[in-house]
PDB file of N, CA and C in Angstrom:
ATOM      1  N   VAL A   1     -77.644   7.114 -21.700  1.00  0.00           N
ATOM      2  CA  VAL A   1     -76.759   8.230 -22.001  1.00  0.00           C
ATOM      3  C   VAL A   1     -75.529   8.204 -21.099  1.00  0.00           C
ATOM      4  N   VAL A   2     -75.722   7.965 -19.821  1.00  0.00           N
ATOM      5  CA  VAL A   2     -74.579   7.931 -18.900  1.00  0.00           C
ATOM      6  C   VAL A   2     -73.617   6.822 -19.302  1.00  0.00           C
ATOM      7  N   GLY A   3     -74.142   5.664 -19.630  1.00  0.00           N
ATOM      8  CA  GLY A   3     -73.302   4.536 -20.006  1.00  0.00           C
ATOM      9  C   GLY A   3     -72.524   4.746 -21.286  1.00  0.00           C
ATOM     10  N   SER A   4     -72.974   5.686 -22.111  1.00  0.00           N
ATOM     11  CA  SER A   4     -72.277   5.949 -23.378  1.00  0.00           C
ATOM     12  C   SER A   4     -71.203   7.030 -23.246  1.00  0.00           C
ATOM     13  N   TYR A   5     -71.055   7.609 -22.042  1.00  0.00           N
ATOM     14  CA  TYR A   5     -70.017   8.621 -21.833  1.00  0.00           C
ATOM     15  C   TYR A   5     -68.659   7.952 -22.049  1.00  0.00           C
ATOM     16  N   PRO A   6     -67.783   8.531 -22.877  1.00  0.00           N
ATOM     17  CA  PRO A   6     -66.522   7.852 -23.216  1.00  0.00           C
ATOM     18  C   PRO A   6     -65.602   7.658 -22.011  1.00  0.00           C
ATOM     19  N   GLN A   7     -65.094   6.442 -21.842  1.00  0.00           N
ATOM     20  CA  GLN A   7     -64.164   6.154 -20.752  1.00  0.00           C
ATOM     21  C   GLN A   7     -62.858   6.936 -20.894  1.00  0.00           C
ATOM     22  N   GLN A   8     -62.482   7.316 -22.113  1.00  0.00           N
ATOM     23  CA  GLN A   8     -61.261   8.098 -22.326  1.00  0.00           C
ATOM     24  C   GLN A   8     -61.511   9.597 -22.153  1.00  0.00           C
ATOM     25  N   GLY A   9     -62.725   9.977 -21.738  1.00  0.00           N
ATOM     26  CA  GLY A   9     -63.054  11.373 -21.528  1.00  0.00           C
ATOM     27  C   GLY A   9     -63.491  12.066 -22.797  1.00  0.00           C
ATOM     28  N   GLN A  10     -63.707  13.367 -22.681  1.00  0.00           N
ATOM     29  CA  GLN A  10     -64.157  14.172 -23.814  1.00  0.00           C
ATOM     30  C   GLN A  10     -63.788  15.621 -23.549  1.00  0.00           C
ATOM     31  N   ASN A  11     -63.481  16.351 -24.603  1.00  0.00           N
ATOM     32  CA  ASN A  11     -63.257  17.795 -24.507  1.00  0.00           C
ATOM     33  C   ASN A  11     -62.204  18.156 -23.451  1.00  0.00           C
ATOM     34  N   GLY A  12     -61.190  17.288 -23.283  1.00  0.00           N
ATOM     35  CA  GLY A  12     -60.110  17.582 -22.343  1.00  0.00           C
ATOM     36  C   GLY A  12     -60.407  17.296 -20.890  1.00  0.00           C
ATOM     37  N   VAL A  13     -61.505  16.580 -20.601  1.00  0.00           N
ATOM     38  CA  VAL A  13     -61.837  16.243 -19.208  1.00  0.00           C
ATOM     39  C   VAL A  13     -62.081  14.743 -19.062  1.00  0.00           C
ATOM     40  N   ASP A  14     -61.941  14.258 -17.854  1.00  0.00           N
ATOM     41  CA  ASP A  14     -62.271  12.877 -17.493  1.00  0.00           C
ATOM     42  C   ASP A  14     -61.430  11.839 -18.238  1.00  0.00           C
ATOM     43  N   CYS A  15     -60.158  12.146 -18.469  1.00  0.00           N
ATOM     44  CA  CYS A  15     -59.270  11.267 -19.248  1.00  0.00           C
ATOM     45  C   CYS A  15     -59.008   9.921 -18.598  1.00  0.00           C
ATOM     46  N   ASN A  16     -59.266   9.798 -17.308  1.00  0.00           N
ATOM     47  CA  ASN A  16     -59.003   8.534 -16.613  1.00  0.00           C
ATOM     48  C   ASN A  16     -60.271   7.756 -16.309  1.00  0.00           C
ATOM     49  N   GLY A  17     -61.340   8.061 -17.035  1.00  0.00           N
ATOM     50  CA  GLY A  17     -62.543   7.256 -16.981  1.00  0.00           C
ATOM     51  C   GLY A  17     -63.528   7.614 -15.893  1.00  0.00           C
ATOM     52  N   TRP A  18     -64.468   6.713 -15.696  1.00  0.00           N
ATOM     53  CA  TRP A  18     -65.528   6.892 -14.713  1.00  0.00           C
ATOM     54  C   TRP A  18     -66.040   5.525 -14.295  1.00  0.00           C
ATOM     55  N   VAL A  19     -66.750   5.489 -13.159  1.00  0.00           N
ATOM     56  CA  VAL A  19     -67.298   4.239 -12.651  1.00  0.00           C
ATOM     57  C   VAL A  19     -68.581   4.537 -11.858  1.00  0.00           C
ATOM     58  N   PHE A  20     -69.586   3.664 -12.009  1.00  0.00           N
ATOM     59  CA  PHE A  20     -70.767   3.755 -11.152  1.00  0.00           C
ATOM     60  C   PHE A  20     -70.362   3.334  -9.748  1.00  0.00           C
ATOM     61  N   VAL A  21     -70.654   4.165  -8.774  1.00  0.00           N
ATOM     62  CA  VAL A  21     -70.405   3.844  -7.371  1.00  0.00           C
ATOM     63  C   VAL A  21     -71.665   3.236  -6.770  1.00  0.00           C
ATOM     64  N   ASP A  22     -72.805   3.735  -7.212  1.00  0.00           N
ATOM     65  CA  ASP A  22     -74.098   3.270  -6.723  1.00  0.00           C
ATOM     66  C   ASP A  22     -75.079   3.418  -7.877  1.00  0.00           C
ATOM     67  N   ASP A  23     -75.554   2.316  -8.436  1.00  0.00           N
ATOM     68  CA  ASP A  23     -76.458   2.362  -9.586  1.00  0.00           C
ATOM     69  C   ASP A  23     -77.797   1.754  -9.204  1.00  0.00           C
ATOM     70  N   LYS A  24     -78.707   2.622  -8.770  1.00  0.00           N
ATOM     71  CA  LYS A  24     -80.056   2.185  -8.391  1.00  0.00           C
ATOM     72  C   LYS A  24     -81.104   2.892  -9.252  1.00  0.00           C
ATOM     73  N   LEU A  25     -80.739   3.264 -10.473  1.00  0.00           N
ATOM     74  CA  LEU A  25     -81.686   3.967 -11.335  1.00  0.00           C
ATOM     75  C   LEU A  25     -82.950   3.151 -11.562  1.00  0.00           C
ATOM     76  N   ASP A  26     -82.818   1.848 -11.775  1.00  0.00           N
ATOM     77  CA  ASP A  26     -83.975   1.003 -12.022  1.00  0.00           C
ATOM     78  C   ASP A  26     -84.771   0.704 -10.764  1.00  0.00           C
ATOM     79  N   ILE A  27     -84.142   0.833  -9.597  1.00  0.00           N
ATOM     80  CA  ILE A  27     -84.804   0.481  -8.338  1.00  0.00           C
ATOM     81  C   ILE A  27     -85.474   1.695  -7.702  1.00  0.00           C
ATOM     82  N   ASP A  28     -84.701   2.739  -7.461  1.00  0.00           N
ATOM     83  CA  ASP A  28     -85.277   3.919  -6.794  1.00  0.00           C
ATOM     84  C   ASP A  28     -84.915   5.241  -7.466  1.00  0.00           C
ATOM     85  N   GLY A  29     -84.441   5.184  -8.718  1.00  0.00           N
ATOM     86  CA  GLY A  29     -84.212   6.403  -9.481  1.00  0.00           C
ATOM     87  C   GLY A  29     -83.014   7.220  -9.037  1.00  0.00           C
ATOM     88  N   MET A  30     -81.967   6.551  -8.544  1.00  0.00           N
ATOM     89  CA  MET A  30     -80.788   7.273  -8.076  1.00  0.00           C
ATOM     90  C   MET A  30     -79.526   6.551  -8.527  1.00  0.00           C
ATOM     91  N   ALA A  31     -78.515   7.343  -8.890  1.00  0.00           N
ATOM     92  CA  ALA A  31     -77.206   6.780  -9.219  1.00  0.00           C
ATOM     93  C   ALA A  31     -76.128   7.770  -8.810  1.00  0.00           C
ATOM     94  N   ARG A  32     -74.971   7.217  -8.400  1.00  0.00           N
ATOM     95  CA  ARG A  32     -73.791   8.037  -8.111  1.00  0.00           C
ATOM     96  C   ARG A  32     -72.655   7.519  -8.968  1.00  0.00           C
ATOM     97  N   ILE A  33     -71.900   8.451  -9.547  1.00  0.00           N
ATOM     98  CA  ILE A  33     -70.818   8.114 -10.466  1.00  0.00           C
ATOM     99  C   ILE A  33     -69.589   8.921 -10.078  1.00  0.00           C
ATOM    100  N   GLU A  34     -68.416   8.298 -10.142  1.00  0.00           N
ATOM    101  CA  GLU A  34     -67.143   8.996  -9.953  1.00  0.00           C
ATOM    102  C   GLU A  34     -66.480   9.168 -11.312  1.00  0.00           C
ATOM    103  N   TYR A  35     -66.021  10.394 -11.590  1.00  0.00           N
ATOM    104  CA  TYR A  35     -65.271  10.706 -12.805  1.00  0.00           C
ATOM    105  C   TYR A  35     -63.846  11.062 -12.403  1.00  0.00           C
ATOM    106  N   TYR A  36     -62.877  10.599 -13.189  1.00  0.00           N
ATOM    107  CA  TYR A  36     -61.464  10.771 -12.865  1.00  0.00           C
ATOM    108  C   TYR A  36     -60.796  11.691 -13.882  1.00  0.00           C
ATOM    109  N   SER A  37     -60.156  12.726 -13.390  1.00  0.00           N
ATOM    110  CA  SER A  37     -59.580  13.773 -14.239  1.00  0.00           C
ATOM    111  C   SER A  37     -58.369  13.298 -15.031  1.00  0.00           C
ATOM    112  N   CYS A  38     -57.984  14.132 -15.972  1.00  0.00           N
ATOM    113  CA  CYS A  38     -56.709  13.976 -16.658  1.00  0.00           C
ATOM    114  C   CYS A  38     -55.596  14.303 -15.651  1.00  0.00           C
ATOM    115  N   ILE A  39     -54.375  13.888 -15.941  1.00  0.00           N
ATOM    116  CA  ILE A  39     -53.237  14.233 -15.089  1.00  0.00           C
ATOM    117  C   ILE A  39     -52.528  15.425 -15.727  1.00  0.00           C
ATOM    118  N   GLY A  40     -52.898  16.601 -15.264  1.00  0.00           N
ATOM    119  CA  GLY A  40     -52.292  17.827 -15.770  1.00  0.00           C
ATOM    120  C   GLY A  40     -51.479  18.495 -14.682  1.00  0.00           C
ATOM    121  N   PRO A  41     -51.056  19.735 -14.921  1.00  0.00           N
ATOM    122  CA  PRO A  41     -50.228  20.448 -13.939  1.00  0.00           C
ATOM    123  C   PRO A  41     -50.866  20.549 -12.555  1.00  0.00           C
ATOM    124  N   ALA A  42     -52.183  20.783 -12.496  1.00  0.00           N
ATOM    125  CA  ALA A  42     -52.837  20.905 -11.185  1.00  0.00           C
ATOM    126  C   ALA A  42     -52.810  19.579 -10.438  1.00  0.00           C
ATOM    127  N   ALA A  43     -53.090  18.482 -11.126  1.00  0.00           N
ATOM    128  CA  ALA A  43     -53.064  17.165 -10.476  1.00  0.00           C
ATOM    129  C   ALA A  43     -51.654  16.810 -10.039  1.00  0.00           C
ATOM    130  N   ILE A  44     -50.665  17.175 -10.838  1.00  0.00           N
ATOM    131  CA  ILE A  44     -49.271  16.881 -10.485  1.00  0.00           C
ATOM    132  C   ILE A  44     -48.850  17.671  -9.247  1.00  0.00           C
ATOM    133  N   SER A  45     -49.170  18.963  -9.229  1.00  0.00           N
ATOM    134  CA  SER A  45     -48.689  19.811  -8.138  1.00  0.00           C
ATOM    135  C   SER A  45     -49.543  19.736  -6.877  1.00  0.00           C
ATOM    136  N   MET A  46     -50.838  19.455  -6.999  1.00  0.00           N
ATOM    137  CA  MET A  46     -51.721  19.518  -5.835  1.00  0.00           C
ATOM    138  C   MET A  46     -52.279  18.170  -5.401  1.00  0.00           C
ATOM    139  N   ASN A  47     -52.144  17.133  -6.240  1.00  0.00           N
ATOM    140  CA  ASN A  47     -52.798  15.866  -5.921  1.00  0.00           C
ATOM    141  C   ASN A  47     -51.852  14.670  -6.096  1.00  0.00           C
ATOM    142  N   LEU A  48     -50.560  14.906  -5.910  1.00  0.00           N
ATOM    143  CA  LEU A  48     -49.547  13.850  -5.987  1.00  0.00           C
ATOM    144  C   LEU A  48     -49.610  13.066  -7.298  1.00  0.00           C
ATOM    145  N   ALA A  49     -49.899  13.786  -8.392  1.00  0.00           N
ATOM    146  CA  ALA A  49     -49.963  13.209  -9.740  1.00  0.00           C
ATOM    147  C   ALA A  49     -51.039  12.129  -9.881  1.00  0.00           C
ATOM    148  N   LYS A  50     -52.059  12.230  -9.041  1.00  0.00           N
ATOM    149  CA  LYS A  50     -53.208  11.335  -9.146  1.00  0.00           C
ATOM    150  C   LYS A  50     -54.374  12.132  -9.722  1.00  0.00           C
ATOM    151  N   PRO A  51     -55.288  11.466 -10.408  1.00  0.00           N
ATOM    152  CA  PRO A  51     -56.431  12.202 -10.948  1.00  0.00           C
ATOM    153  C   PRO A  51     -57.315  12.754  -9.830  1.00  0.00           C
ATOM    154  N   PHE A  52     -57.891  13.926 -10.078  1.00  0.00           N
ATOM    155  CA  PHE A  52     -58.926  14.439  -9.187  1.00  0.00           C
ATOM    156  C   PHE A  52     -60.177  13.606  -9.414  1.00  0.00           C
ATOM    157  N   ILE A  53     -60.972  13.445  -8.363  1.00  0.00           N
ATOM    158  CA  ILE A  53     -62.224  12.692  -8.475  1.00  0.00           C
ATOM    159  C   ILE A  53     -63.375  13.669  -8.316  1.00  0.00           C
ATOM    160  N   ASP A  54     -64.296  13.619  -9.269  1.00  0.00           N
ATOM    161  CA  ASP A  54     -65.525  14.406  -9.198  1.00  0.00           C
ATOM    162  C   ASP A  54     -66.693  13.454  -9.014  1.00  0.00           C
ATOM    163  N   ASP A  55     -67.699  13.902  -8.285  1.00  0.00           N
ATOM    164  CA  ASP A  55     -68.881  13.091  -8.015  1.00  0.00           C
ATOM    165  C   ASP A  55     -70.070  13.621  -8.800  1.00  0.00           C
ATOM    166  N   VAL A  56     -70.787  12.708  -9.428  1.00  0.00           N
ATOM    167  CA  VAL A  56     -72.023  13.043 -10.128  1.00  0.00           C
ATOM    168  C   VAL A  56     -73.142  12.246  -9.476  1.00  0.00           C
ATOM    169  N   LYS A  57     -74.237  12.921  -9.215  1.00  0.00           N
ATOM    170  CA  LYS A  57     -75.412  12.258  -8.649  1.00  0.00           C
ATOM    171  C   LYS A  57     -76.605  12.513  -9.560  1.00  0.00           C
ATOM    172  N   LEU A  58     -77.305  11.449  -9.882  1.00  0.00           N
ATOM    173  CA  LEU A  58     -78.533  11.525 -10.672  1.00  0.00           C
ATOM    174  C   LEU A  58     -79.696  11.129  -9.776  1.00  0.00           C
ATOM    175  N   ASP A  59     -80.757  11.926  -9.792  1.00  0.00           N
ATOM    176  CA  ASP A  59     -81.959  11.620  -9.022  1.00  0.00           C
ATOM    177  C   ASP A  59     -83.179  11.780  -9.910  1.00  0.00           C
ATOM    178  N   LEU A  60     -84.069  10.800  -9.885  1.00  0.00           N
ATOM    179  CA  LEU A  60     -85.363  10.901 -10.543  1.00  0.00           C
ATOM    180  C   LEU A  60     -86.323  11.483  -9.517  1.00  0.00           C
ATOM    181  N   VAL A  61     -86.894  12.659  -9.818  1.00  0.00           N
ATOM    182  CA  VAL A  61     -87.707  13.396  -8.861  1.00  0.00           C
ATOM    183  C   VAL A  61     -89.102  13.606  -9.437  1.00  0.00           C
ATOM    184  N   GLU A  62     -90.127  13.321  -8.618  1.00  0.00           N
ATOM    185  CA  GLU A  62     -91.503  13.594  -9.042  1.00  0.00           C
ATOM    186  C   GLU A  62     -91.840  15.031  -8.691  1.00  0.00           C
ATOM    187  N   ASP A  63     -92.493  15.732  -9.623  1.00  0.00           N
ATOM    188  CA  ASP A  63     -92.771  17.155  -9.415  1.00  0.00           C
ATOM    189  C   ASP A  63     -94.085  17.422  -8.692  1.00  0.00           C
ATOM    190  N   GLY A  64     -94.828  16.385  -8.306  1.00  0.00           N
ATOM    191  CA  GLY A  64     -96.088  16.586  -7.594  1.00  0.00           C
ATOM    192  C   GLY A  64     -97.294  16.540  -8.503  1.00  0.00           C
ATOM    193  N   ASN A  65     -97.089  16.642  -9.799  1.00  0.00           N
ATOM    194  CA  ASN A  65     -98.180  16.594 -10.773  1.00  0.00           C
ATOM    195  C   ASN A  65     -98.147  15.301 -11.581  1.00  0.00           C
ATOM    196  N   GLY A  66     -97.483  14.299 -11.040  1.00  0.00           N
ATOM    197  CA  GLY A  66     -97.391  13.025 -11.742  1.00  0.00           C
ATOM    198  C   GLY A  66     -96.335  12.988 -12.829  1.00  0.00           C
ATOM    199  N   LYS A  67     -95.562  14.049 -12.951  1.00  0.00           N
ATOM    200  CA  LYS A  67     -94.476  14.086 -13.931  1.00  0.00           C
ATOM    201  C   LYS A  67     -93.151  13.915 -13.210  1.00  0.00           C
ATOM    202  N   PHE A  68     -92.174  13.392 -13.940  1.00  0.00           N
ATOM    203  CA  PHE A  68     -90.860  13.147 -13.368  1.00  0.00           C
ATOM    204  C   PHE A  68     -89.794  13.920 -14.134  1.00  0.00           C
ATOM    205  N   ARG A  69     -88.710  14.211 -13.450  1.00  0.00           N
ATOM    206  CA  ARG A  69     -87.553  14.843 -14.081  1.00  0.00           C
ATOM    207  C   ARG A  69     -86.294  14.269 -13.443  1.00  0.00           C
ATOM    208  N   PHE A  70     -85.198  14.298 -14.203  1.00  0.00           N
ATOM    209  CA  PHE A  70     -83.907  13.921 -13.646  1.00  0.00           C
ATOM    210  C   PHE A  70     -83.191  15.173 -13.179  1.00  0.00           C
ATOM    211  N   GLU A  71     -82.603  15.100 -12.006  1.00  0.00           N
ATOM    212  CA  GLU A  71     -81.721  16.153 -11.527  1.00  0.00           C
ATOM    213  C   GLU A  71     -80.317  15.582 -11.526  1.00  0.00           C
ATOM    214  N   LEU A  72     -79.388  16.331 -12.070  1.00  0.00           N
ATOM    215  CA  LEU A  72     -77.997  15.906 -12.175  1.00  0.00           C
ATOM    216  C   LEU A  72     -77.123  16.931 -11.488  1.00  0.00           C
ATOM    217  N   ARG A  73     -76.270  16.453 -10.595  1.00  0.00           N
ATOM    218  CA  ARG A  73     -75.317  17.324  -9.898  1.00  0.00           C
ATOM    219  C   ARG A  73     -73.915  16.780 -10.124  1.00  0.00           C
ATOM    220  N   SER A  74     -73.011  17.669 -10.474  1.00  0.00           N
ATOM    221  CA  SER A  74     -71.622  17.295 -10.689  1.00  0.00           C
ATOM    222  C   SER A  74     -70.772  18.201  -9.820  1.00  0.00           C
ATOM    223  N   LYS A  75     -69.948  17.604  -8.960  1.00  0.00           N
ATOM    224  CA  LYS A  75     -69.208  18.388  -7.973  1.00  0.00           C
ATOM    225  C   LYS A  75     -67.787  17.863  -7.824  1.00  0.00           C
ATOM    226  N   SER A  76     -66.843  18.791  -7.765  1.00  0.00           N
ATOM    227  CA  SER A  76     -65.451  18.440  -7.494  1.00  0.00           C
ATOM    228  C   SER A  76     -65.275  18.171  -6.010  1.00  0.00           C
ATOM    229  N   ARG A  77     -64.462  17.194  -5.678  1.00  0.00           N
ATOM    230  CA  ARG A  77     -64.191  16.893  -4.270  1.00  0.00           C
ATOM    231  C   ARG A  77     -63.167  17.833  -3.665  1.00  0.00           C
ATOM    232  N   VAL A  78     -62.237  18.330  -4.494  1.00  0.00           N
ATOM    233  CA  VAL A  78     -61.115  19.117  -3.999  1.00  0.00           C
ATOM    234  C   VAL A  78     -61.069  20.450  -4.728  1.00  0.00           C
ATOM    235  N   GLY A  79     -60.753  21.505  -3.995  1.00  0.00           N
ATOM    236  CA  GLY A  79     -60.476  22.797  -4.617  1.00  0.00           C
ATOM    237  C   GLY A  79     -61.667  23.730  -4.655  1.00  0.00           C
ATOM    238  N   ALA A  80     -61.364  24.997  -4.897  1.00  0.00           N
ATOM    239  CA  ALA A  80     -62.383  26.035  -4.972  1.00  0.00           C
ATOM    240  C   ALA A  80     -62.872  26.244  -6.402  1.00  0.00           C
ATOM    241  N   SER A  81     -62.126  25.760  -7.376  1.00  0.00           N
ATOM    242  CA  SER A  81     -62.501  25.921  -8.774  1.00  0.00           C
ATOM    243  C   SER A  81     -62.166  24.643  -9.530  1.00  0.00           C
ATOM    244  N   ASP A  82     -62.976  24.344 -10.512  1.00  0.00           N
ATOM    245  CA  ASP A  82     -62.731  23.148 -11.323  1.00  0.00           C
ATOM    246  C   ASP A  82     -62.357  23.508 -12.757  1.00  0.00           C
ATOM    247  N   TYR A  83     -62.178  24.814 -13.026  1.00  0.00           N
ATOM    248  CA  TYR A  83     -61.785  25.294 -14.360  1.00  0.00           C
ATOM    249  C   TYR A  83     -62.751  24.851 -15.454  1.00  0.00           C
ATOM    250  N   GLY A  84     -64.033  24.734 -15.093  1.00  0.00           N
ATOM    251  CA  GLY A  84     -65.071  24.428 -16.077  1.00  0.00           C
ATOM    252  C   GLY A  84     -65.291  22.962 -16.366  1.00  0.00           C
ATOM    253  N   VAL A  85     -64.626  22.080 -15.631  1.00  0.00           N
ATOM    254  CA  VAL A  85     -64.731  20.642 -15.903  1.00  0.00           C
ATOM    255  C   VAL A  85     -66.155  20.132 -15.676  1.00  0.00           C
ATOM    256  N   ASN A  86     -66.769  20.477 -14.556  1.00  0.00           N
ATOM    257  CA  ASN A  86     -68.122  20.000 -14.281  1.00  0.00           C
ATOM    258  C   ASN A  86     -69.112  20.495 -15.330  1.00  0.00           C
ATOM    259  N   LYS A  87     -68.956  21.732 -15.744  1.00  0.00           N
ATOM    260  CA  LYS A  87     -69.839  22.290 -16.777  1.00  0.00           C
ATOM    261  C   LYS A  87     -69.688  21.529 -18.083  1.00  0.00           C
ATOM    262  N   LYS A  88     -68.457  21.223 -18.477  1.00  0.00           N
ATOM    263  CA  LYS A  88     -68.238  20.457 -19.715  1.00  0.00           C
ATOM    264  C   LYS A  88     -68.894  19.085 -19.626  1.00  0.00           C
ATOM    265  N   ARG A  89     -68.744  18.435 -18.481  1.00  0.00           N
ATOM    266  CA  ARG A  89     -69.324  17.102 -18.291  1.00  0.00           C
ATOM    267  C   ARG A  89     -70.850  17.163 -18.376  1.00  0.00           C
ATOM    268  N   VAL A  90     -71.451  18.083 -17.631  1.00  0.00           N
ATOM    269  CA  VAL A  90     -72.915  18.198 -17.619  1.00  0.00           C
ATOM    270  C   VAL A  90     -73.436  18.559 -19.005  1.00  0.00           C
ATOM    271  N   ASN A  91     -72.758  19.470 -19.692  1.00  0.00           N
ATOM    272  CA  ASN A  91     -73.212  19.846 -21.030  1.00  0.00           C
ATOM    273  C   ASN A  91     -73.082  18.698 -22.022  1.00  0.00           C
ATOM    274  N   TYR A  92     -72.069  17.867 -21.888  1.00  0.00           N
ATOM    275  CA  TYR A  92     -71.933  16.680 -22.740  1.00  0.00           C
ATOM    276  C   TYR A  92     -73.131  15.754 -22.535  1.00  0.00           C
ATOM    277  N   LEU A  93     -73.449  15.484 -21.268  1.00  0.00           N
ATOM    278  CA  LEU A  93     -74.580  14.609 -20.958  1.00  0.00           C
ATOM    279  C   LEU A  93     -75.900  15.240 -21.392  1.00  0.00           C
ATOM    280  N   ALA A  94     -76.049  16.559 -21.192  1.00  0.00           N
ATOM    281  CA  ALA A  94     -77.277  17.243 -21.606  1.00  0.00           C
ATOM    282  C   ALA A  94     -77.455  17.177 -23.118  1.00  0.00           C
ATOM    283  N   GLN A  95     -76.387  17.358 -23.869  1.00  0.00           N
ATOM    284  CA  GLN A  95     -76.471  17.263 -25.329  1.00  0.00           C
ATOM    285  C   GLN A  95     -76.893  15.863 -25.756  1.00  0.00           C
ATOM    286  N   ALA A  96     -76.348  14.852 -25.101  1.00  0.00           N
ATOM    287  CA  ALA A  96     -76.721  13.471 -25.420  1.00  0.00           C
ATOM    288  C   ALA A  96     -78.200  13.235 -25.123  1.00  0.00           C
ATOM    289  N   LEU A  97     -78.697  13.792 -24.025  1.00  0.00           N
ATOM    290  CA  LEU A  97     -80.122  13.674 -23.705  1.00  0.00           C
ATOM    291  C   LEU A  97     -80.988  14.407 -24.723  1.00  0.00           C
ATOM    292  N   ARG A  98     -80.567  15.622 -25.103  1.00  0.00           N
ATOM    293  CA  ARG A  98     -81.337  16.377 -26.109  1.00  0.00           C
ATOM    294  C   ARG A  98     -81.418  15.614 -27.426  1.00  0.00           C
ATOM    295  N   SER A  99     -80.337  14.925 -27.790  1.00  0.00           N
ATOM    296  CA  SER A  99     -80.338  14.165 -29.043  1.00  0.00           C
ATOM    297  C   SER A  99     -81.327  13.004 -28.997  1.00  0.00           C
ATOM    298  N   LYS A 100     -81.765  12.631 -27.790  1.00  0.00           N
ATOM    299  CA  LYS A 100     -82.755  11.566 -27.627  1.00  0.00           C
ATOM    300  C   LYS A 100     -84.142  12.121 -27.313  1.00  0.00           C
ATOM    301  N   GLY A 101     -84.307  13.450 -27.461  1.00  0.00           N
ATOM    302  CA  GLY A 101     -85.614  14.066 -27.286  1.00  0.00           C
ATOM    303  C   GLY A 101     -85.931  14.608 -25.906  1.00  0.00           C
ATOM    304  N   TRP A 102     -84.979  14.560 -24.981  1.00  0.00           N
ATOM    305  CA  TRP A 102     -85.196  15.091 -23.647  1.00  0.00           C
ATOM    306  C   TRP A 102     -85.053  16.614 -23.659  1.00  0.00           C
ATOM    307  N   ASP A 103     -85.688  17.262 -22.694  1.00  0.00           N
ATOM    308  CA  ASP A 103     -85.484  18.683 -22.458  1.00  0.00           C
ATOM    309  C   ASP A 103     -84.364  18.793 -21.435  1.00  0.00           C
ATOM    310  N   ALA A 104     -83.175  19.159 -21.902  1.00  0.00           N
ATOM    311  CA  ALA A 104     -82.000  19.231 -21.028  1.00  0.00           C
ATOM    312  C   ALA A 104     -81.253  20.515 -21.351  1.00  0.00           C
ATOM    313  N   PRO A 105     -81.471  21.559 -20.549  1.00  0.00           N
ATOM    314  CA  PRO A 105     -80.843  22.847 -20.850  1.00  0.00           C
ATOM    315  C   PRO A 105     -79.329  22.806 -20.712  1.00  0.00           C
ATOM    316  N   LYS A 106     -78.687  23.661 -21.475  1.00  0.00           N
ATOM    317  CA  LYS A 106     -77.236  23.798 -21.419  1.00  0.00           C
ATOM    318  C   LYS A 106     -76.859  24.640 -20.210  1.00  0.00           C
ATOM    319  N   VAL A 107     -75.802  24.231 -19.506  1.00  0.00           N
ATOM    320  CA  VAL A 107     -75.264  25.016 -18.401  1.00  0.00           C
ATOM    321  C   VAL A 107     -74.389  26.107 -19.005  1.00  0.00           C
ATOM    322  N   ILE A 108     -74.683  27.359 -18.652  1.00  0.00           N
ATOM    323  CA  ILE A 108     -73.919  28.450 -19.265  1.00  0.00           C
ATOM    324  C   ILE A 108     -72.971  29.132 -18.282  1.00  0.00           C
ATOM    325  N   TYR A 109     -73.099  28.832 -16.997  1.00  0.00           N
ATOM    326  CA  TYR A 109     -72.183  29.414 -16.012  1.00  0.00           C
ATOM    327  C   TYR A 109     -72.156  28.508 -14.793  1.00  0.00           C
ATOM    328  N   GLY A 110     -71.217  28.763 -13.940  1.00  0.00           N
ATOM    329  CA  GLY A 110     -71.139  28.023 -12.685  1.00  0.00           C
ATOM    330  C   GLY A 110     -70.199  28.745 -11.744  1.00  0.00           C
ATOM    331  N   ILE A 111     -70.360  28.491 -10.474  1.00  0.00           N
ATOM    332  CA  ILE A 111     -69.500  29.105  -9.480  1.00  0.00           C
ATOM    333  C   ILE A 111     -68.095  28.539  -9.625  1.00  0.00           C
ATOM    334  N   GLY A 112     -67.139  29.401  -9.809  1.00  0.00           N
ATOM    335  CA  GLY A 112     -65.747  28.973  -9.893  1.00  0.00           C
ATOM    336  C   GLY A 112     -65.386  28.241 -11.166  1.00  0.00           C
ATOM    337  N   SER A 113     -66.187  28.406 -12.224  1.00  0.00           N
ATOM    338  CA  SER A 113     -65.853  27.717 -13.465  1.00  0.00           C
ATOM    339  C   SER A 113     -65.319  28.710 -14.474  1.00  0.00           C
ATOM    340  N   TYR A 114     -64.565  28.208 -15.405  1.00  0.00           N
ATOM    341  CA  TYR A 114     -63.938  29.042 -16.435  1.00  0.00           C
ATOM    342  C   TYR A 114     -64.252  28.445 -17.794  1.00  0.00           C
ATOM    343  N   ASP A 115     -64.389  29.299 -18.800  1.00  0.00           N
ATOM    344  CA  ASP A 115     -64.598  28.810 -20.176  1.00  0.00           C
ATOM    345  C   ASP A 115     -63.281  28.708 -20.883  1.00  0.00           C
TER     346      ASP A 115
END
């Protein structure tokens, strides 16, 4: 699912692609990914017209009963608000997981996010 995330972004976010920074999913159940924002007014005025970088971390966690779950965290590196970008990204990935039969709830709110 992560590998199928469009490099051109989706829903107005991540227009400058993404890259695996650390891909150890097959080895120890962990991966880190950098996503690069579109170049909009905020990037022009606050980030020298460079894309903002957001970090996503995936962890395979055992729950103690022999079952496993993935935990996904998406975080902006800069600023107090991401205007809903992380939520859009996580919900895109969650929808892709649900389409493959996973239980992946939709994120409906977040600190400093906007719809």
